[in-house]
Amino acid sequence: MERRRGRRRGIWAIVLLVTGGLLVLGGAFWGAVSAQHGEVVYDKKTIPSENMRPTYEPGDTGWFSMGTHGENFEVSRGDVVLVEIPQWVPDGPLLSRVVAIGGDRIEYRRGETTLRLNGQPLDEPYILDRSRPSSVPFDVTVPKGRIFLMGDNRMNSFDSSLHPGKDQGTLDVSAVIGEDVPSPTDLLVAGGALVGGAVVFVVGGGLGIWALVLRRRRPEPVAPVWPAA
C-alpha cells in the first residue's frame, strides 16, 4: 500500500479557504447593510480636559456616533454628548452630560447634596464628587427642544449652570453633533470579519500549495503489518 503525501493538509486547506471566503463575504455584506440602513458615521476622539472625570480622564479615547446627515439626535437624560457651542467653547466641541431635557425643571439649592429633577432628588452615581453636585445654585425649567448640560467633574465643568443669562444656559438639541457609544459594533464586526477572513483565506491558500507540492512527490510505501507469530 502507498500513502499519498499532503492529503490531510489538502483537506485543511479546503476547510480554511471556504471558511475564509465565507467570513470575507459575510463581513462585506454586514458592512454594506449597516451603511445602507443607518448611514451612521462613527468617530474616535481623544478627551482633552478634566470636564468629564471620572467617566473620561484626560487622554482617554472615546467612540462617538456622529448621527445621520441633517437629522437631530434624540437625546435622553444621562446621555454623554458632543456639542458645538462657539459662544462657550470657540476652539472645538465640548463633551458633557445631558442632565435635563425639554419640559424638565432642574435645580440646585446651596447646601444640598443632590440636584433636584422635577422636584425629586436626582441620583448621579457618575459624578466625581457626589457631595458637591454643582458649584453654583440654579433653578431652570428647560424649554421644549432644548437641553441642560453639566460635566461629571462639577467643580471643574464649563456647562449650563455657569451660563444663567440667555436661555438660562439651555441649548437647542441641534447643538449636539455626537453621542457617546461603547463602540461602533456594526463596523467593528464587519471589519473584524473581513480582516479575519482574509487571514484565514491566505493561510488556507498557503497550506493548499504546500499540499500540492507534497502530492507531486512519489507516494511513500507503507510497510505491511505482519501478524504476530
Foldseek 3Di string as FASTA:
>chain_A
DFDFFLPVLQVLLVVLQVLLVVLQVVLVVLVVVCCVPWVWDKDKDAAQDPQAPPVHDHRDIFIWTQGDPPDFDPDDAFWWFWFDDCVQPVPGTDTWGFHDAAQWKWWDDPPQQAIAINRHGDDDPRADRSRDPAPDTDIAHQHHQKTFTGHSDRVPHRGLCVPCPPRSRIGGSRRTRITTDPDPVSNVSSVVSNVVSVVSNVVSVVSNVVSVVSSVDDTDDDDDDDDDD
